[in-house]
Amino acid sequence: MDRVIFAGQRDDVSRLLPAFDLFLFTSSSQESEGEGLPNAVMEAMAAELPCVVSSAGGTRELFHDGEAGYMVGPEDKEVYVQRSLHLLGDNALREKMGQKGRSIILENYSVQKMVSRFEGLYESVLNGNSAKRGH
């Protein structure tokens, strides 16, 4: 147990993530369906951590299996262990997957991207409403 720390609730997670070798997200389908995109996974990806995540809920929208990490069936504990050990034993793969995860976040989920998408949404709604009023 000298390698595991149960730190409780933290407000400084983004400061701690760079010290990790990989990120596990084992949320079951019952917990994560309808959850949308899990912020914890997105933060880990932004911190260049390769991820071993449950394929339940919104995680499937973030990356494909083998791209920025691995997708695992929510109840498949043995596969979580196998994938984690595989990553821990391969520094180059961890680095490659971590970099890919960060690029996915920057390309698709940065603040600038999200603002741009909201602007587009608002413009389409306004244009749709204007057209209905004959303007």
N, C-alpha and C. Protein backbone atom coordinates (compact mmCIF):
# COMPACT_ATOMS: atom_id res chain seq x y z
N MET A 1 0.81 -1.20 0.00
CA MET A 1 0.00 0.00 0.00
C MET A 1 0.85 1.26 0.00
N ASP A 2 2.16 1.15 -0.05
CA ASP A 2 3.00 2.34 -0.02
C ASP A 2 3.00 3.09 -1.35
N ARG A 3 2.31 2.57 -2.37
CA ARG A 3 2.24 3.24 -3.66
C ARG A 3 0.87 3.82 -3.94
N VAL A 4 -0.07 3.64 -3.05
CA VAL A 4 -1.42 4.14 -3.22
C VAL A 4 -1.74 5.10 -2.08
N ILE A 5 -2.28 6.24 -2.45
CA ILE A 5 -2.69 7.22 -1.45
C ILE A 5 -4.16 7.53 -1.69
N PHE A 6 -4.98 7.32 -0.69
CA PHE A 6 -6.38 7.72 -0.75
C PHE A 6 -6.45 9.12 -0.16
N ALA A 7 -6.45 10.10 -1.04
CA ALA A 7 -6.30 11.50 -0.63
C ALA A 7 -7.62 12.19 -0.29
N GLY A 8 -8.74 11.52 -0.48
CA GLY A 8 -10.01 12.16 -0.20
C GLY A 8 -10.34 13.21 -1.24
N GLN A 9 -11.33 14.04 -0.94
CA GLN A 9 -11.73 15.08 -1.89
C GLN A 9 -10.64 16.14 -1.98
N ARG A 10 -10.32 16.53 -3.20
CA ARG A 10 -9.26 17.51 -3.44
C ARG A 10 -9.77 18.60 -4.35
N ASP A 11 -9.28 19.83 -4.15
CA ASP A 11 -9.60 20.95 -5.02
C ASP A 11 -8.47 21.26 -5.98
N ASP A 12 -7.38 20.49 -5.92
CA ASP A 12 -6.20 20.78 -6.73
C ASP A 12 -5.81 19.61 -7.63
N VAL A 13 -6.81 18.91 -8.15
CA VAL A 13 -6.56 17.71 -8.93
C VAL A 13 -5.68 18.00 -10.15
N SER A 14 -5.94 19.10 -10.83
CA SER A 14 -5.15 19.40 -12.04
C SER A 14 -3.67 19.57 -11.72
N ARG A 15 -3.35 19.97 -10.51
CA ARG A 15 -1.95 20.10 -10.09
C ARG A 15 -1.34 18.73 -9.81
N LEU A 16 -2.16 17.76 -9.41
CA LEU A 16 -1.67 16.43 -9.06
C LEU A 16 -1.55 15.49 -10.27
N LEU A 17 -2.40 15.66 -11.27
CA LEU A 17 -2.45 14.72 -12.39
C LEU A 17 -1.10 14.49 -13.07
N PRO A 18 -0.27 15.51 -13.28
CA PRO A 18 1.02 15.24 -13.96
C PRO A 18 1.93 14.25 -13.22
N ALA A 19 1.69 14.00 -11.96
CA ALA A 19 2.51 13.05 -11.21
C ALA A 19 2.08 11.60 -11.45
N PHE A 20 0.93 11.40 -12.10
CA PHE A 20 0.40 10.05 -12.32
C PHE A 20 0.98 9.44 -13.59
N ASP A 21 0.98 8.11 -13.66
CA ASP A 21 1.43 7.40 -14.85
C ASP A 21 0.27 7.09 -15.80
N LEU A 22 -0.91 6.88 -15.25
CA LEU A 22 -2.09 6.63 -16.05
C LEU A 22 -3.32 6.97 -15.24
N PHE A 23 -4.46 6.97 -15.91
CA PHE A 23 -5.72 7.35 -15.26
C PHE A 23 -6.74 6.24 -15.46
N LEU A 24 -7.36 5.80 -14.38
CA LEU A 24 -8.42 4.79 -14.43
C LEU A 24 -9.76 5.44 -14.14
N PHE A 25 -10.76 5.07 -14.93
CA PHE A 25 -12.13 5.55 -14.72
C PHE A 25 -13.02 4.32 -14.83
N THR A 26 -13.47 3.81 -13.70
CA THR A 26 -14.17 2.53 -13.67
C THR A 26 -15.66 2.64 -13.41
N SER A 27 -16.24 3.78 -13.74
CA SER A 27 -17.65 4.00 -13.52
C SER A 27 -18.47 2.95 -14.26
N SER A 28 -19.46 2.37 -13.58
CA SER A 28 -20.29 1.35 -14.22
C SER A 28 -21.37 2.00 -15.07
N SER A 29 -22.01 1.22 -15.91
CA SER A 29 -23.02 1.76 -16.81
C SER A 29 -24.18 2.38 -16.04
N GLN A 30 -24.53 1.82 -14.90
CA GLN A 30 -25.62 2.38 -14.12
C GLN A 30 -25.28 3.78 -13.61
N GLU A 31 -24.02 3.98 -13.28
CA GLU A 31 -23.61 5.27 -12.74
C GLU A 31 -23.39 6.30 -13.83
N SER A 32 -22.92 5.89 -15.01
CA SER A 32 -22.45 6.87 -15.98
C SER A 32 -23.37 7.08 -17.17
N GLU A 33 -24.40 6.27 -17.36
CA GLU A 33 -25.32 6.52 -18.47
C GLU A 33 -26.00 7.86 -18.24
N GLY A 34 -26.07 8.65 -19.25
CA GLY A 34 -26.69 9.96 -19.13
C GLY A 34 -25.79 10.98 -18.46
N GLU A 35 -24.58 10.59 -18.12
CA GLU A 35 -23.65 11.48 -17.43
C GLU A 35 -23.01 12.47 -18.38
N GLY A 36 -23.11 12.23 -19.67
CA GLY A 36 -22.45 13.08 -20.64
C GLY A 36 -20.96 12.80 -20.64
N LEU A 37 -20.19 13.78 -21.03
CA LEU A 37 -18.73 13.62 -21.07
C LEU A 37 -18.18 13.76 -19.66
N PRO A 38 -17.49 12.75 -19.17
CA PRO A 38 -16.97 12.82 -17.80
C PRO A 38 -15.78 13.79 -17.70
N ASN A 39 -15.96 14.83 -16.91
CA ASN A 39 -14.92 15.85 -16.73
C ASN A 39 -13.61 15.26 -16.22
N ALA A 40 -13.70 14.26 -15.36
CA ALA A 40 -12.48 13.67 -14.80
C ALA A 40 -11.61 13.08 -15.90
N VAL A 41 -12.23 12.39 -16.85
CA VAL A 41 -11.47 11.80 -17.96
C VAL A 41 -10.91 12.90 -18.84
N MET A 42 -11.69 13.93 -19.09
CA MET A 42 -11.22 15.04 -19.92
C MET A 42 -10.03 15.75 -19.27
N GLU A 43 -10.09 15.93 -17.96
CA GLU A 43 -8.95 16.54 -17.25
C GLU A 43 -7.70 15.67 -17.35
N ALA A 44 -7.87 14.36 -17.22
CA ALA A 44 -6.73 13.45 -17.32
C ALA A 44 -6.14 13.50 -18.72
N MET A 45 -6.99 13.51 -19.73
CA MET A 45 -6.51 13.59 -21.10
C MET A 45 -5.76 14.89 -21.33
N ALA A 46 -6.28 16.00 -20.82
CA ALA A 46 -5.62 17.29 -20.97
C ALA A 46 -4.25 17.29 -20.30
N ALA A 47 -4.10 16.48 -19.25
CA ALA A 47 -2.83 16.38 -18.53
C ALA A 47 -1.89 15.34 -19.17
N GLU A 48 -2.24 14.86 -20.36
CA GLU A 48 -1.45 13.89 -21.12
C GLU A 48 -1.32 12.53 -20.43
N LEU A 49 -2.37 12.15 -19.72
CA LEU A 49 -2.38 10.82 -19.09
C LEU A 49 -3.10 9.83 -20.00
N PRO A 50 -2.48 8.69 -20.27
CA PRO A 50 -3.23 7.65 -20.97
C PRO A 50 -4.32 7.15 -20.03
N CYS A 51 -5.46 6.80 -20.60
CA CYS A 51 -6.62 6.46 -19.79
C CYS A 51 -7.06 5.02 -20.02
N VAL A 52 -7.45 4.36 -18.95
CA VAL A 52 -8.13 3.08 -19.02
C VAL A 52 -9.50 3.36 -18.42
N VAL A 53 -10.51 3.39 -19.29
CA VAL A 53 -11.82 3.89 -18.88
C VAL A 53 -12.93 2.91 -19.19
N SER A 54 -14.00 3.02 -18.45
CA SER A 54 -15.21 2.26 -18.71
C SER A 54 -15.81 2.72 -20.02
N SER A 55 -16.28 1.78 -20.81
CA SER A 55 -16.91 2.12 -22.09
C SER A 55 -18.37 2.54 -21.91
N ALA A 56 -18.79 2.73 -20.68
CA ALA A 56 -20.17 3.15 -20.41
C ALA A 56 -20.29 4.66 -20.47
N GLY A 57 -21.49 5.12 -20.76
CA GLY A 57 -21.77 6.55 -20.74
C GLY A 57 -21.01 7.33 -21.79
N GLY A 58 -20.67 8.56 -21.46
CA GLY A 58 -20.08 9.49 -22.41
C GLY A 58 -18.63 9.26 -22.77
N THR A 59 -17.95 8.35 -22.08
CA THR A 59 -16.54 8.14 -22.39
C THR A 59 -16.34 7.70 -23.83
N ARG A 60 -17.29 7.00 -24.40
CA ARG A 60 -17.18 6.51 -25.79
C ARG A 60 -17.06 7.65 -26.78
N GLU A 61 -17.51 8.83 -26.41
CA GLU A 61 -17.45 9.99 -27.30
C GLU A 61 -16.08 10.66 -27.29
N LEU A 62 -15.26 10.36 -26.31
CA LEU A 62 -13.98 11.06 -26.17
C LEU A 62 -12.87 10.51 -27.05
N PHE A 63 -12.76 9.18 -27.15
CA PHE A 63 -11.72 8.59 -27.99
C PHE A 63 -12.08 7.14 -28.31
N HIS A 64 -11.39 6.59 -29.29
CA HIS A 64 -11.57 5.19 -29.67
C HIS A 64 -10.58 4.33 -28.89
N ASP A 65 -10.96 3.10 -28.64
CA ASP A 65 -10.10 2.16 -27.93
C ASP A 65 -8.73 2.07 -28.61
N GLY A 66 -7.68 2.22 -27.82
CA GLY A 66 -6.32 2.14 -28.34
C GLY A 66 -5.76 3.45 -28.84
N GLU A 67 -6.54 4.51 -28.78
CA GLU A 67 -6.12 5.81 -29.30
C GLU A 67 -5.46 6.66 -28.21
N ALA A 68 -6.21 7.05 -27.20
CA ALA A 68 -5.70 7.85 -26.09
C ALA A 68 -5.70 7.02 -24.81
N GLY A 69 -5.91 5.74 -24.99
CA GLY A 69 -6.02 4.81 -23.88
C GLY A 69 -6.89 3.64 -24.30
N TYR A 70 -7.47 2.98 -23.31
CA TYR A 70 -8.27 1.80 -23.59
C TYR A 70 -9.67 1.93 -23.02
N MET A 71 -10.63 1.43 -23.77
CA MET A 71 -12.02 1.31 -23.31
C MET A 71 -12.21 -0.11 -22.80
N VAL A 72 -12.84 -0.24 -21.65
CA VAL A 72 -13.04 -1.53 -21.02
C VAL A 72 -14.52 -1.66 -20.64
N GLY A 73 -15.06 -2.84 -20.81
CA GLY A 73 -16.44 -3.08 -20.38
C GLY A 73 -16.56 -2.76 -18.90
N PRO A 74 -17.65 -2.13 -18.51
CA PRO A 74 -17.80 -1.63 -17.13
C PRO A 74 -17.58 -2.66 -16.03
N GLU A 75 -17.87 -3.92 -16.29
CA GLU A 75 -17.74 -4.95 -15.26
C GLU A 75 -16.52 -5.84 -15.45
N ASP A 76 -15.65 -5.52 -16.40
CA ASP A 76 -14.54 -6.40 -16.77
C ASP A 76 -13.27 -6.04 -16.00
N LYS A 77 -13.25 -6.35 -14.72
CA LYS A 77 -12.14 -5.97 -13.84
C LYS A 77 -10.80 -6.54 -14.28
N GLU A 78 -10.79 -7.75 -14.79
CA GLU A 78 -9.53 -8.36 -15.21
C GLU A 78 -8.91 -7.59 -16.39
N VAL A 79 -9.75 -7.12 -17.29
CA VAL A 79 -9.24 -6.36 -18.44
C VAL A 79 -8.70 -5.00 -17.98
N TYR A 80 -9.33 -4.38 -16.99
CA TYR A 80 -8.77 -3.14 -16.42
C TYR A 80 -7.34 -3.38 -15.95
N VAL A 81 -7.14 -4.48 -15.23
CA VAL A 81 -5.81 -4.81 -14.71
C VAL A 81 -4.84 -5.07 -15.85
N GLN A 82 -5.24 -5.88 -16.83
CA GLN A 82 -4.36 -6.20 -17.96
C GLN A 82 -3.95 -4.95 -18.73
N ARG A 83 -4.93 -4.11 -19.05
CA ARG A 83 -4.64 -2.88 -19.81
C ARG A 83 -3.75 -1.94 -19.00
N SER A 84 -4.02 -1.82 -17.72
CA SER A 84 -3.21 -0.94 -16.86
C SER A 84 -1.77 -1.43 -16.79
N LEU A 85 -1.59 -2.73 -16.57
CA LEU A 85 -0.23 -3.28 -16.50
C LEU A 85 0.50 -3.14 -17.83
N HIS A 86 -0.23 -3.32 -18.93
CA HIS A 86 0.37 -3.14 -20.25
C HIS A 86 0.90 -1.72 -20.40
N LEU A 87 0.10 -0.74 -20.03
CA LEU A 87 0.52 0.66 -20.13
C LEU A 87 1.68 0.97 -19.18
N LEU A 88 1.60 0.47 -17.97
CA LEU A 88 2.67 0.73 -17.01
C LEU A 88 4.01 0.16 -17.47
N GLY A 89 3.96 -0.87 -18.28
CA GLY A 89 5.19 -1.50 -18.77
C GLY A 89 5.71 -0.92 -20.07
N ASP A 90 5.04 0.07 -20.63
CA ASP A 90 5.43 0.60 -21.95
C ASP A 90 5.42 2.13 -21.92
N ASN A 91 6.56 2.72 -21.57
CA ASN A 91 6.67 4.18 -21.46
C ASN A 91 6.33 4.88 -22.77
N ALA A 92 6.82 4.35 -23.88
CA ALA A 92 6.59 5.00 -25.18
C ALA A 92 5.10 5.01 -25.53
N LEU A 93 4.41 3.91 -25.25
CA LEU A 93 2.97 3.85 -25.53
C LEU A 93 2.20 4.81 -24.63
N ARG A 94 2.58 4.87 -23.35
CA ARG A 94 1.93 5.83 -22.44
C ARG A 94 2.10 7.25 -22.95
N GLU A 95 3.30 7.58 -23.37
CA GLU A 95 3.56 8.93 -23.87
C GLU A 95 2.75 9.21 -25.13
N LYS A 96 2.74 8.27 -26.06
CA LYS A 96 2.00 8.44 -27.32
C LYS A 96 0.50 8.62 -27.06
N MET A 97 -0.06 7.76 -26.21
CA MET A 97 -1.49 7.86 -25.91
C MET A 97 -1.80 9.13 -25.13
N GLY A 98 -0.93 9.51 -24.21
CA GLY A 98 -1.13 10.74 -23.47
C GLY A 98 -1.13 11.96 -24.37
N GLN A 99 -0.21 12.01 -25.30
CA GLN A 99 -0.16 13.14 -26.24
C GLN A 99 -1.40 13.17 -27.13
N LYS A 100 -1.84 12.00 -27.57
CA LYS A 100 -3.05 11.93 -28.39
C LYS A 100 -4.26 12.42 -27.61
N GLY A 101 -4.36 12.03 -26.35
CA GLY A 101 -5.47 12.49 -25.52
C GLY A 101 -5.49 14.00 -25.37
N ARG A 102 -4.33 14.57 -25.12
CA ARG A 102 -4.26 16.04 -24.99
C ARG A 102 -4.67 16.71 -26.30
N SER A 103 -4.20 16.18 -27.43
CA SER A 103 -4.56 16.80 -28.70
C SER A 103 -6.06 16.69 -28.97
N ILE A 104 -6.68 15.59 -28.58
CA ILE A 104 -8.13 15.44 -28.73
C ILE A 104 -8.86 16.52 -27.93
N ILE A 105 -8.43 16.72 -26.70
CA ILE A 105 -9.07 17.73 -25.86
C ILE A 105 -8.87 19.12 -26.45
N LEU A 106 -7.65 19.46 -26.83
CA LEU A 106 -7.38 20.80 -27.38
C LEU A 106 -8.13 21.05 -28.68
N GLU A 107 -8.21 20.02 -29.53
CA GLU A 107 -8.87 20.18 -30.82
C GLU A 107 -10.39 20.24 -30.71
N ASN A 108 -10.95 19.54 -29.74
CA ASN A 108 -12.40 19.40 -29.68
C ASN A 108 -13.10 20.02 -28.48
N TYR A 109 -12.37 20.21 -27.38
CA TYR A 109 -13.04 20.61 -26.14
C TYR A 109 -12.39 21.79 -25.44
N SER A 110 -11.56 22.54 -26.13
CA SER A 110 -10.95 23.71 -25.50
C SER A 110 -12.02 24.77 -25.26
N VAL A 111 -11.73 25.71 -24.42
CA VAL A 111 -12.68 26.80 -24.15
C VAL A 111 -13.02 27.52 -25.45
N GLN A 112 -12.01 27.77 -26.28
CA GLN A 112 -12.25 28.47 -27.54
C GLN A 112 -13.21 27.67 -28.43
N LYS A 113 -13.02 26.35 -28.51
CA LYS A 113 -13.90 25.51 -29.32
C LYS A 113 -15.33 25.54 -28.78
N MET A 114 -15.45 25.44 -27.48
CA MET A 114 -16.79 25.42 -26.88
C MET A 114 -17.49 26.76 -27.09
N VAL A 115 -16.78 27.87 -26.93
CA VAL A 115 -17.36 29.20 -27.17
C VAL A 115 -17.80 29.30 -28.63
N SER A 116 -16.95 28.85 -29.53
CA SER A 116 -17.28 28.90 -30.96
C SER A 116 -18.53 28.08 -31.26
N ARG A 117 -18.65 26.92 -30.66
CA ARG A 117 -19.83 26.08 -30.87
C ARG A 117 -21.10 26.73 -30.32
N PHE A 118 -20.99 27.35 -29.15
CA PHE A 118 -22.15 28.05 -28.60
C PHE A 118 -22.54 29.24 -29.48
N GLU A 119 -21.55 29.97 -29.97
CA GLU A 119 -21.84 31.09 -30.87
C GLU A 119 -22.57 30.59 -32.11
N GLY A 120 -22.09 29.48 -32.67
CA GLY A 120 -22.75 28.90 -33.84
C GLY A 120 -24.17 28.48 -33.55
N LEU A 121 -24.37 27.89 -32.38
CA LEU A 121 -25.71 27.47 -31.98
C LEU A 121 -26.63 28.68 -31.85
N TYR A 122 -26.16 29.72 -31.16
CA TYR A 122 -26.97 30.93 -31.00
C TYR A 122 -27.29 31.57 -32.34
N GLU A 123 -26.30 31.63 -33.23
CA GLU A 123 -26.52 32.22 -34.55
C GLU A 123 -27.55 31.42 -35.34
N SER A 124 -27.47 30.10 -35.27
CA SER A 124 -28.44 29.28 -36.01
C SER A 124 -29.84 29.46 -35.45
N VAL A 125 -29.95 29.57 -34.13
CA VAL A 125 -31.27 29.79 -33.53
C VAL A 125 -31.80 31.15 -33.93
N LEU A 126 -30.96 32.17 -33.86
CA LEU A 126 -31.40 33.52 -34.25
C LEU A 126 -31.78 33.59 -35.72
N ASN A 127 -30.98 32.97 -36.57
CA ASN A 127 -31.28 32.97 -38.00
C ASN A 127 -32.54 32.19 -38.29
N GLY A 128 -32.75 31.11 -37.59
CA GLY A 128 -33.97 30.33 -37.78
C GLY A 128 -35.20 31.11 -37.35
N ASN A 129 -35.09 31.82 -36.25
CA ASN A 129 -36.21 32.64 -35.76
C ASN A 129 -36.46 33.82 -36.68
N SER A 130 -35.39 34.44 -37.19
CA SER A 130 -35.54 35.59 -38.10
C SER A 130 -36.25 35.17 -39.38
N ALA A 131 -35.87 34.00 -39.90
CA ALA A 131 -36.47 33.52 -41.15
C ALA A 131 -37.97 33.28 -40.96
N LYS A 132 -38.36 32.79 -39.80
CA LYS A 132 -39.78 32.51 -39.55
C LYS A 132 -40.60 33.80 -39.48
N ARG A 133 -39.94 34.90 -39.05
CA ARG A 133 -40.66 36.16 -38.92
C ARG A 133 -40.62 36.96 -40.22
N GLY A 134 -39.92 36.41 -41.24
CA GLY A 134 -39.86 37.09 -42.52
C GLY A 134 -38.79 38.17 -42.60
N HIS A 135 -37.78 38.16 -41.75
CA HIS A 135 -36.73 39.18 -41.76
C HIS A 135 -35.55 38.70 -42.55
